[in-house]
Amino acid sequence: MTGYRIAFRRAAGWLGLVLVGTGCGLLLVDAALRASPFDALLVAPWLLALCWAVYVLFAAPSVVADDDLLRVRNILHVVEIPWHEIADIRMRWQLEVVLRDGRIVRALGAAPRHLHSRHLCTGRAPEPGDDQADTLRLFLARARTSDRDVRRRVDVPSLVALCVIAVGATWSLVVAA
């Protein structure tokens, strides 16, 4: 299974982000035209905060599988799981990855078959009837062992973006007061 990589994301999350981003962009243009560009700049951090929240809650969560590991990205954190650490993969209300030590990692980015989009970056697509759990079990069956451990980390780019937005919002409050 060399060279395969597949990602599961909720398509509705990206659609929501595009709609919210477009609405926020129109509001910024309206504020710039009706008031002034400076007033639009004062409003921008608050609209960016809304876009950030939609991104983090609905668009960013995903499940990415390749030959080496399964990467589960949830709200503000990422879990990288080598295949040899996985005992079972099952689909309930969401995808659940059962680790060998009994812990369960739930994937918010994976949805039932009809509510997700999948992108196969290399190789050929899985069969149309497969759901995420079936597809990931194919990876698990062909996985090779490695010396990696389960790695949990925070989603640094999203947190940096939040800090920048918070600084902008604080600035707009100070200037407007």
N, C-alpha and C. Protein backbone atom coordinates (compact mmCIF):
# COMPACT_ATOMS: atom_id res chain seq x y z
N MET A 1 0.83 -1.19 0.00
CA MET A 1 0.00 0.00 0.00
C MET A 1 0.87 1.25 0.00
N THR A 2 2.04 1.15 -0.50
CA THR A 2 2.98 2.24 -0.51
C THR A 2 2.47 3.40 -1.35
N GLY A 3 2.60 4.61 -0.81
CA GLY A 3 2.23 5.81 -1.54
C GLY A 3 0.79 6.24 -1.39
N TYR A 4 0.00 5.56 -0.59
CA TYR A 4 -1.39 5.94 -0.42
C TYR A 4 -1.53 6.95 0.72
N ARG A 5 -2.44 7.88 0.52
CA ARG A 5 -2.78 8.85 1.55
C ARG A 5 -4.23 9.24 1.32
N ILE A 6 -5.03 9.17 2.36
CA ILE A 6 -6.44 9.52 2.22
C ILE A 6 -6.84 10.42 3.38
N ALA A 7 -7.73 11.37 3.10
CA ALA A 7 -8.18 12.31 4.11
C ALA A 7 -9.71 12.33 4.12
N PHE A 8 -10.26 12.30 5.32
CA PHE A 8 -11.70 12.43 5.51
C PHE A 8 -11.97 13.76 6.21
N ARG A 9 -12.84 14.55 5.61
CA ARG A 9 -13.22 15.83 6.18
C ARG A 9 -14.72 16.01 5.99
N ARG A 10 -15.31 16.81 6.86
CA ARG A 10 -16.72 17.13 6.68
C ARG A 10 -16.83 18.24 5.63
N ALA A 11 -17.44 17.92 4.52
CA ALA A 11 -17.58 18.90 3.45
C ALA A 11 -18.43 20.09 3.89
N ALA A 12 -19.41 19.87 4.74
CA ALA A 12 -20.27 20.95 5.21
C ALA A 12 -19.49 21.97 6.03
N GLY A 13 -18.43 21.54 6.71
CA GLY A 13 -17.62 22.48 7.48
C GLY A 13 -16.92 23.49 6.59
N TRP A 14 -16.39 23.01 5.47
CA TRP A 14 -15.72 23.92 4.54
C TRP A 14 -16.72 24.82 3.83
N LEU A 15 -17.88 24.29 3.51
CA LEU A 15 -18.93 25.10 2.91
C LEU A 15 -19.36 26.20 3.88
N GLY A 16 -19.53 25.83 5.14
CA GLY A 16 -19.89 26.83 6.16
C GLY A 16 -18.83 27.90 6.30
N LEU A 17 -17.56 27.50 6.26
CA LEU A 17 -16.48 28.48 6.36
C LEU A 17 -16.50 29.44 5.18
N VAL A 18 -16.73 28.93 3.98
CA VAL A 18 -16.81 29.80 2.80
C VAL A 18 -17.97 30.77 2.92
N LEU A 19 -19.12 30.28 3.37
CA LEU A 19 -20.29 31.16 3.51
C LEU A 19 -20.06 32.23 4.59
N VAL A 20 -19.53 31.83 5.74
CA VAL A 20 -19.28 32.79 6.81
C VAL A 20 -18.19 33.77 6.39
N GLY A 21 -17.14 33.27 5.75
CA GLY A 21 -16.07 34.16 5.29
C GLY A 21 -16.56 35.16 4.26
N THR A 22 -17.40 34.71 3.35
CA THR A 22 -17.97 35.62 2.35
C THR A 22 -18.85 36.67 3.02
N GLY A 23 -19.68 36.24 3.95
CA GLY A 23 -20.53 37.20 4.67
C GLY A 23 -19.72 38.21 5.45
N CYS A 24 -18.67 37.75 6.11
CA CYS A 24 -17.81 38.66 6.87
C CYS A 24 -17.07 39.63 5.94
N GLY A 25 -16.63 39.13 4.79
CA GLY A 25 -15.98 40.00 3.81
C GLY A 25 -16.92 41.08 3.31
N LEU A 26 -18.16 40.71 3.03
CA LEU A 26 -19.15 41.70 2.59
C LEU A 26 -19.44 42.72 3.68
N LEU A 27 -19.49 42.27 4.93
CA LEU A 27 -19.70 43.21 6.03
C LEU A 27 -18.54 44.19 6.17
N LEU A 28 -17.32 43.71 5.97
CA LEU A 28 -16.15 44.59 6.03
C LEU A 28 -16.17 45.63 4.90
N VAL A 29 -16.52 45.18 3.70
CA VAL A 29 -16.62 46.12 2.58
C VAL A 29 -17.71 47.14 2.84
N ASP A 30 -18.83 46.69 3.36
CA ASP A 30 -19.93 47.61 3.69
C ASP A 30 -19.50 48.62 4.74
N ALA A 31 -18.80 48.16 5.77
CA ALA A 31 -18.32 49.08 6.81
C ALA A 31 -17.33 50.09 6.24
N ALA A 32 -16.47 49.65 5.34
CA ALA A 32 -15.50 50.56 4.74
C ALA A 32 -16.17 51.60 3.85
N LEU A 33 -17.21 51.20 3.13
CA LEU A 33 -17.89 52.13 2.23
C LEU A 33 -18.83 53.08 2.97
N ARG A 34 -19.56 52.56 3.95
CA ARG A 34 -20.54 53.40 4.66
C ARG A 34 -19.90 54.27 5.74
N ALA A 35 -18.88 53.75 6.39
CA ALA A 35 -18.24 54.53 7.45
C ALA A 35 -16.87 54.99 6.95
N SER A 36 -15.86 54.18 7.21
CA SER A 36 -14.51 54.48 6.73
C SER A 36 -13.68 53.20 6.79
N PRO A 37 -12.58 53.16 6.04
CA PRO A 37 -11.71 51.99 6.12
C PRO A 37 -11.19 51.76 7.54
N PHE A 38 -10.97 52.84 8.29
CA PHE A 38 -10.50 52.69 9.67
C PHE A 38 -11.56 52.00 10.53
N ASP A 39 -12.82 52.35 10.34
CA ASP A 39 -13.89 51.69 11.09
C ASP A 39 -13.99 50.21 10.72
N ALA A 40 -13.78 49.92 9.46
CA ALA A 40 -13.78 48.52 9.03
C ALA A 40 -12.63 47.77 9.70
N LEU A 41 -11.49 48.45 9.86
CA LEU A 41 -10.35 47.84 10.54
C LEU A 41 -10.67 47.56 12.01
N LEU A 42 -11.48 48.42 12.62
CA LEU A 42 -11.87 48.19 14.02
C LEU A 42 -12.82 46.99 14.17
N VAL A 43 -13.61 46.75 13.15
CA VAL A 43 -14.57 45.64 13.18
C VAL A 43 -13.93 44.32 12.76
N ALA A 44 -12.86 44.39 11.97
CA ALA A 44 -12.25 43.19 11.38
C ALA A 44 -11.90 42.09 12.38
N PRO A 45 -11.28 42.39 13.53
CA PRO A 45 -10.92 41.29 14.43
C PRO A 45 -12.12 40.48 14.92
N TRP A 46 -13.24 41.13 15.09
CA TRP A 46 -14.43 40.43 15.58
C TRP A 46 -14.98 39.51 14.51
N LEU A 47 -14.96 39.95 13.27
CA LEU A 47 -15.41 39.09 12.18
C LEU A 47 -14.41 37.96 11.93
N LEU A 48 -13.12 38.26 12.08
CA LEU A 48 -12.12 37.20 11.96
C LEU A 48 -12.27 36.16 13.06
N ALA A 49 -12.67 36.60 14.25
CA ALA A 49 -12.90 35.66 15.35
C ALA A 49 -14.03 34.70 15.00
N LEU A 50 -15.06 35.21 14.36
CA LEU A 50 -16.16 34.35 13.93
C LEU A 50 -15.68 33.34 12.89
N CYS A 51 -14.91 33.80 11.92
CA CYS A 51 -14.36 32.88 10.90
C CYS A 51 -13.44 31.85 11.54
N TRP A 52 -12.63 32.28 12.50
CA TRP A 52 -11.72 31.36 13.18
C TRP A 52 -12.52 30.27 13.91
N ALA A 53 -13.58 30.67 14.59
CA ALA A 53 -14.39 29.69 15.33
C ALA A 53 -15.03 28.67 14.39
N VAL A 54 -15.55 29.14 13.27
CA VAL A 54 -16.14 28.20 12.29
C VAL A 54 -15.08 27.26 11.75
N TYR A 55 -13.89 27.79 11.48
CA TYR A 55 -12.81 26.95 10.98
C TYR A 55 -12.43 25.87 11.99
N VAL A 56 -12.18 26.29 13.22
CA VAL A 56 -11.70 25.35 14.25
C VAL A 56 -12.76 24.31 14.61
N LEU A 57 -14.02 24.73 14.68
CA LEU A 57 -15.07 23.82 15.11
C LEU A 57 -15.58 22.90 13.99
N PHE A 58 -15.62 23.41 12.76
CA PHE A 58 -16.29 22.65 11.71
C PHE A 58 -15.41 22.27 10.52
N ALA A 59 -14.46 23.11 10.13
CA ALA A 59 -13.68 22.83 8.92
C ALA A 59 -12.39 22.08 9.19
N ALA A 60 -11.70 22.40 10.27
CA ALA A 60 -10.38 21.82 10.52
C ALA A 60 -10.40 20.35 10.94
N PRO A 61 -11.36 19.89 11.73
CA PRO A 61 -11.31 18.48 12.13
C PRO A 61 -11.27 17.54 10.92
N SER A 62 -10.33 16.60 10.99
CA SER A 62 -10.16 15.68 9.86
C SER A 62 -9.48 14.40 10.34
N VAL A 63 -9.49 13.42 9.47
CA VAL A 63 -8.77 12.17 9.68
C VAL A 63 -7.94 11.93 8.44
N VAL A 64 -6.62 11.82 8.61
CA VAL A 64 -5.71 11.61 7.48
C VAL A 64 -4.93 10.32 7.74
N ALA A 65 -4.95 9.43 6.76
CA ALA A 65 -4.23 8.16 6.89
C ALA A 65 -3.20 8.06 5.78
N ASP A 66 -2.02 7.58 6.14
CA ASP A 66 -1.02 7.25 5.14
C ASP A 66 -0.34 5.95 5.58
N ASP A 67 0.73 5.59 4.93
CA ASP A 67 1.39 4.31 5.22
C ASP A 67 1.94 4.24 6.64
N ASP A 68 2.32 5.37 7.21
CA ASP A 68 3.00 5.38 8.50
C ASP A 68 2.07 5.54 9.70
N LEU A 69 1.06 6.40 9.57
CA LEU A 69 0.24 6.69 10.74
C LEU A 69 -1.12 7.20 10.36
N LEU A 70 -1.95 7.28 11.39
CA LEU A 70 -3.28 7.85 11.29
C LEU A 70 -3.25 9.16 12.08
N ARG A 71 -3.60 10.25 11.42
CA ARG A 71 -3.58 11.57 12.08
C ARG A 71 -5.02 12.02 12.28
N VAL A 72 -5.41 12.19 13.54
CA VAL A 72 -6.76 12.62 13.89
C VAL A 72 -6.65 14.06 14.39
N ARG A 73 -7.28 14.96 13.64
CA ARG A 73 -7.25 16.38 14.02
C ARG A 73 -8.63 16.76 14.53
N ASN A 74 -8.70 17.13 15.79
CA ASN A 74 -9.94 17.56 16.41
C ASN A 74 -9.83 19.04 16.75
N ILE A 75 -10.68 19.52 17.62
CA ILE A 75 -10.69 20.93 17.98
C ILE A 75 -9.44 21.25 18.78
N LEU A 76 -8.54 22.03 18.18
CA LEU A 76 -7.32 22.54 18.79
C LEU A 76 -6.30 21.49 19.22
N HIS A 77 -6.45 20.26 18.79
CA HIS A 77 -5.39 19.28 19.06
C HIS A 77 -5.33 18.21 17.97
N VAL A 78 -4.15 17.63 17.86
CA VAL A 78 -3.88 16.61 16.84
C VAL A 78 -3.32 15.38 17.53
N VAL A 79 -3.79 14.21 17.14
CA VAL A 79 -3.27 12.95 17.67
C VAL A 79 -2.70 12.17 16.48
N GLU A 80 -1.42 11.86 16.55
CA GLU A 80 -0.77 11.05 15.52
C GLU A 80 -0.57 9.64 16.07
N ILE A 81 -1.21 8.67 15.41
CA ILE A 81 -1.22 7.30 15.90
C ILE A 81 -0.55 6.38 14.90
N PRO A 82 0.59 5.79 15.26
CA PRO A 82 1.18 4.78 14.36
C PRO A 82 0.24 3.58 14.27
N TRP A 83 0.23 2.95 13.13
CA TRP A 83 -0.70 1.84 12.91
C TRP A 83 -0.53 0.70 13.90
N HIS A 84 0.69 0.44 14.35
CA HIS A 84 0.88 -0.70 15.26
C HIS A 84 0.29 -0.44 16.64
N GLU A 85 -0.08 0.80 16.95
CA GLU A 85 -0.69 1.14 18.23
C GLU A 85 -2.21 1.00 18.22
N ILE A 86 -2.79 0.70 17.06
CA ILE A 86 -4.24 0.64 16.92
C ILE A 86 -4.73 -0.79 17.09
N ALA A 87 -5.69 -0.98 18.00
CA ALA A 87 -6.29 -2.29 18.22
C ALA A 87 -7.54 -2.48 17.35
N ASP A 88 -8.33 -1.39 17.18
CA ASP A 88 -9.57 -1.51 16.41
C ASP A 88 -9.97 -0.13 15.91
N ILE A 89 -10.71 -0.14 14.82
CA ILE A 89 -11.29 1.08 14.26
C ILE A 89 -12.77 0.80 14.06
N ARG A 90 -13.61 1.65 14.63
CA ARG A 90 -15.04 1.41 14.50
C ARG A 90 -15.78 2.73 14.27
N MET A 91 -16.96 2.60 13.68
CA MET A 91 -17.78 3.77 13.40
C MET A 91 -19.03 3.69 14.27
N ARG A 92 -19.17 4.67 15.12
CA ARG A 92 -20.40 4.80 15.89
C ARG A 92 -21.06 6.08 15.40
N TRP A 93 -21.31 7.03 16.29
CA TRP A 93 -21.79 8.34 15.83
C TRP A 93 -20.66 9.09 15.15
N GLN A 94 -19.45 8.70 15.50
CA GLN A 94 -18.25 9.25 14.88
C GLN A 94 -17.21 8.14 14.85
N LEU A 95 -16.14 8.38 14.13
CA LEU A 95 -15.09 7.38 14.04
C LEU A 95 -14.38 7.26 15.38
N GLU A 96 -14.18 6.03 15.83
CA GLU A 96 -13.46 5.78 17.08
C GLU A 96 -12.27 4.88 16.79
N VAL A 97 -11.11 5.30 17.29
CA VAL A 97 -9.90 4.52 17.14
C VAL A 97 -9.55 3.98 18.52
N VAL A 98 -9.57 2.67 18.67
CA VAL A 98 -9.25 2.04 19.96
C VAL A 98 -7.76 1.69 19.94
N LEU A 99 -7.04 2.23 20.92
CA LEU A 99 -5.60 1.98 21.01
C LEU A 99 -5.34 0.68 21.76
N ARG A 100 -4.17 0.14 21.64
CA ARG A 100 -3.80 -1.12 22.29
C ARG A 100 -3.89 -1.04 23.81
N ASP A 101 -3.68 0.15 24.37
CA ASP A 101 -3.77 0.29 25.82
C ASP A 101 -5.19 0.55 26.31
N GLY A 102 -6.18 0.51 25.39
CA GLY A 102 -7.58 0.65 25.77
C GLY A 102 -8.15 2.05 25.61
N ARG A 103 -7.30 3.04 25.43
CA ARG A 103 -7.80 4.40 25.24
C ARG A 103 -8.52 4.50 23.90
N ILE A 104 -9.48 5.42 23.84
CA ILE A 104 -10.25 5.64 22.62
C ILE A 104 -10.02 7.07 22.14
N VAL A 105 -9.69 7.19 20.87
CA VAL A 105 -9.55 8.51 20.25
C VAL A 105 -10.74 8.68 19.31
N ARG A 106 -11.54 9.69 19.59
CA ARG A 106 -12.71 9.96 18.76
C ARG A 106 -12.36 11.03 17.74
N ALA A 107 -12.80 10.82 16.52
CA ALA A 107 -12.48 11.74 15.43
C ALA A 107 -13.70 12.56 15.07
N LEU A 108 -13.65 13.85 15.36
CA LEU A 108 -14.77 14.72 15.03
C LEU A 108 -14.87 14.99 13.54
N GLY A 109 -13.77 14.84 12.82
CA GLY A 109 -13.76 15.14 11.40
C GLY A 109 -14.36 14.06 10.53
N ALA A 110 -14.53 12.89 11.05
CA ALA A 110 -15.12 11.80 10.26
C ALA A 110 -16.60 11.75 10.54
N ALA A 111 -17.36 11.57 9.50
CA ALA A 111 -18.81 11.54 9.63
C ALA A 111 -19.33 10.27 8.98
N PRO A 112 -20.59 9.95 9.20
CA PRO A 112 -21.16 8.81 8.48
C PRO A 112 -20.96 8.97 6.98
N ARG A 113 -21.01 7.88 6.27
CA ARG A 113 -20.64 7.80 4.86
C ARG A 113 -21.21 8.93 4.01
N HIS A 114 -22.45 9.28 4.19
CA HIS A 114 -23.09 10.25 3.31
C HIS A 114 -22.80 11.69 3.68
N LEU A 115 -22.10 11.95 4.78
CA LEU A 115 -21.85 13.32 5.23
C LEU A 115 -20.40 13.74 5.13
N HIS A 116 -19.58 13.03 4.40
CA HIS A 116 -18.17 13.39 4.35
C HIS A 116 -17.68 13.46 2.90
N SER A 117 -16.55 14.08 2.77
CA SER A 117 -15.86 14.03 1.48
C SER A 117 -14.53 13.36 1.74
N ARG A 118 -14.04 12.60 0.79
CA ARG A 118 -12.74 11.98 0.97
C ARG A 118 -11.87 12.36 -0.22
N HIS A 119 -10.62 12.53 0.08
CA HIS A 119 -9.67 12.93 -0.95
C HIS A 119 -8.53 11.94 -0.94
N LEU A 120 -8.32 11.28 -2.04
CA LEU A 120 -7.20 10.36 -2.15
C LEU A 120 -6.10 11.09 -2.90
N CYS A 121 -5.01 11.35 -2.21
CA CYS A 121 -3.95 12.16 -2.80
C CYS A 121 -3.12 11.36 -3.79
N THR A 122 -2.85 10.13 -3.48
CA THR A 122 -2.10 9.29 -4.41
C THR A 122 -2.72 7.91 -4.42
N GLY A 123 -2.53 7.20 -5.46
CA GLY A 123 -3.09 5.85 -5.55
C GLY A 123 -4.50 5.89 -6.10
N ARG A 124 -5.22 4.79 -5.95
CA ARG A 124 -6.59 4.76 -6.46
C ARG A 124 -7.58 4.81 -5.31
N ALA A 125 -8.76 5.26 -5.60
CA ALA A 125 -9.78 5.46 -4.57
C ALA A 125 -10.29 4.12 -4.06
N PRO A 126 -10.73 4.10 -2.80
CA PRO A 126 -11.36 2.89 -2.27
C PRO A 126 -12.68 2.61 -2.99
N GLU A 127 -13.23 1.45 -2.75
CA GLU A 127 -14.49 1.08 -3.37
C GLU A 127 -15.60 2.02 -2.90
N PRO A 128 -16.60 2.29 -3.73
CA PRO A 128 -17.67 3.24 -3.37
C PRO A 128 -18.46 2.85 -2.13
N GLY A 129 -18.60 1.56 -1.84
CA GLY A 129 -19.37 1.13 -0.68
C GLY A 129 -18.64 1.25 0.64
N ASP A 130 -17.35 1.47 0.59
CA ASP A 130 -16.56 1.52 1.82
C ASP A 130 -16.90 2.77 2.62
N ASP A 131 -16.98 2.63 3.94
CA ASP A 131 -17.06 3.82 4.78
C ASP A 131 -15.66 4.07 5.34
N GLN A 132 -15.53 5.11 6.16
CA GLN A 132 -14.20 5.44 6.67
C GLN A 132 -13.57 4.30 7.45
N ALA A 133 -14.34 3.67 8.29
CA ALA A 133 -13.79 2.59 9.12
C ALA A 133 -13.27 1.45 8.25
N ASP A 134 -14.03 1.08 7.21
CA ASP A 134 -13.58 0.02 6.31
C ASP A 134 -12.30 0.41 5.58
N THR A 135 -12.25 1.63 5.10
CA THR A 135 -11.07 2.11 4.39
C THR A 135 -9.86 2.13 5.31
N LEU A 136 -10.05 2.61 6.54
CA LEU A 136 -8.93 2.68 7.47
C LEU A 136 -8.49 1.29 7.93
N ARG A 137 -9.42 0.34 7.98
CA ARG A 137 -9.03 -1.03 8.31
C ARG A 137 -8.13 -1.63 7.24
N LEU A 138 -8.32 -1.21 5.99
CA LEU A 138 -7.41 -1.65 4.92
C LEU A 138 -5.99 -1.16 5.19
N PHE A 139 -5.87 0.08 5.61
CA PHE A 139 -4.55 0.61 5.98
C PHE A 139 -3.98 -0.18 7.15
N LEU A 140 -4.83 -0.44 8.16
CA LEU A 140 -4.40 -1.15 9.35
C LEU A 140 -3.92 -2.56 9.01
N ALA A 141 -4.62 -3.23 8.11
CA ALA A 141 -4.25 -4.61 7.75
C ALA A 141 -2.89 -4.67 7.05
N ARG A 142 -2.55 -3.63 6.35
CA ARG A 142 -1.30 -3.62 5.58
C ARG A 142 -0.21 -2.78 6.24
N ALA A 143 -0.44 -2.36 7.45
CA ALA A 143 0.52 -1.46 8.11
C ALA A 143 1.77 -2.21 8.53
N ARG A 144 2.83 -1.47 8.57
CA ARG A 144 4.10 -2.02 9.04
C ARG A 144 4.38 -1.45 10.43
N THR A 145 5.16 -2.16 11.18
CA THR A 145 5.47 -1.69 12.54
C THR A 145 6.54 -0.61 12.47
N SER A 146 6.53 0.21 13.49
CA SER A 146 7.54 1.27 13.58
C SER A 146 7.86 1.47 15.05
N ASP A 147 8.82 2.31 15.32
CA ASP A 147 9.22 2.56 16.70
C ASP A 147 8.58 3.84 17.24
N ARG A 148 7.62 4.37 16.53
CA ARG A 148 6.95 5.60 16.95
C ARG A 148 5.90 5.29 18.02
N ASP A 149 5.63 6.29 18.84
CA ASP A 149 4.58 6.20 19.84
C ASP A 149 3.45 7.14 19.46
N VAL A 150 2.32 6.99 20.15
CA VAL A 150 1.21 7.90 19.95
C VAL A 150 1.66 9.29 20.40
N ARG A 151 1.40 10.27 19.57
CA ARG A 151 1.85 11.63 19.86
C ARG A 151 0.65 12.56 19.85
N ARG A 152 0.47 13.28 20.95
CA ARG A 152 -0.60 14.27 21.06
C ARG A 152 0.04 15.64 21.11
N ARG A 153 -0.55 16.57 20.36
CA ARG A 153 -0.02 17.93 20.37
C ARG A 153 -1.16 18.91 20.13
N VAL A 154 -0.92 20.15 20.53
CA VAL A 154 -1.92 21.18 20.29
C VAL A 154 -1.80 21.68 18.86
N ASP A 155 -2.85 22.25 18.36
CA ASP A 155 -2.88 22.80 17.01
C ASP A 155 -2.30 24.22 17.06
N VAL A 156 -0.99 24.31 16.95
CA VAL A 156 -0.27 25.57 17.13
C VAL A 156 -0.71 26.64 16.13
N PRO A 157 -0.82 26.37 14.83
CA PRO A 157 -1.24 27.43 13.91
C PRO A 157 -2.59 28.05 14.28
N SER A 158 -3.53 27.24 14.72
CA SER A 158 -4.84 27.77 15.11
C SER A 158 -4.74 28.63 16.36
N LEU A 159 -3.90 28.23 17.30
CA LEU A 159 -3.72 29.02 18.52
C LEU A 159 -2.98 30.32 18.25
N VAL A 160 -2.02 30.29 17.34
CA VAL A 160 -1.32 31.52 16.96
C VAL A 160 -2.30 32.49 16.29
N ALA A 161 -3.14 31.96 15.40
CA ALA A 161 -4.15 32.80 14.75
C ALA A 161 -5.10 33.41 15.79
N LEU A 162 -5.49 32.63 16.79
CA LEU A 162 -6.35 33.14 17.85
C LEU A 162 -5.65 34.27 18.62
N CYS A 163 -4.37 34.11 18.91
CA CYS A 163 -3.63 35.15 19.62
C CYS A 163 -3.56 36.44 18.80
N VAL A 164 -3.33 36.31 17.51
CA VAL A 164 -3.28 37.50 16.65
C VAL A 164 -4.65 38.19 16.62
N ILE A 165 -5.70 37.41 16.52
CA ILE A 165 -7.06 37.97 16.53
C ILE A 165 -7.34 38.64 17.87
N ALA A 166 -6.92 38.02 18.97
CA ALA A 166 -7.13 38.61 20.30
C ALA A 166 -6.40 39.93 20.45
N VAL A 167 -5.18 40.01 19.93
CA VAL A 167 -4.44 41.27 19.97
C VAL A 167 -5.17 42.34 19.15
N GLY A 168 -5.65 41.96 17.98
CA GLY A 168 -6.41 42.91 17.15
C GLY A 168 -7.69 43.35 17.82
N ALA A 169 -8.40 42.43 18.47
CA ALA A 169 -9.63 42.79 19.17
C ALA A 169 -9.35 43.72 20.36
N THR A 170 -8.27 43.44 21.09
CA THR A 170 -7.88 44.31 22.20
C THR A 170 -7.54 45.71 21.67
N TRP A 171 -6.77 45.76 20.58
CA TRP A 171 -6.44 47.03 19.97
C TRP A 171 -7.70 47.81 19.57
N SER A 172 -8.66 47.13 18.95
CA SER A 172 -9.88 47.82 18.52
C SER A 172 -10.69 48.34 19.71
N LEU A 173 -10.68 47.60 20.82
CA LEU A 173 -11.37 48.08 22.02
C LEU A 173 -10.68 49.31 22.61
N VAL A 174 -9.35 49.29 22.64
CA VAL A 174 -8.60 50.42 23.21
C VAL A 174 -8.79 51.66 22.34
N VAL A 175 -8.72 51.50 21.03
CA VAL A 175 -8.83 52.65 20.12
C VAL A 175 -10.26 53.21 20.15
N ALA A 176 -11.24 52.33 20.21
CA ALA A 176 -12.65 52.78 20.18
C ALA A 176 -13.10 53.40 21.49
N ALA A 177 -12.39 53.13 22.59
CA ALA A 177 -12.82 53.63 23.89
C ALA A 177 -12.48 55.09 24.09
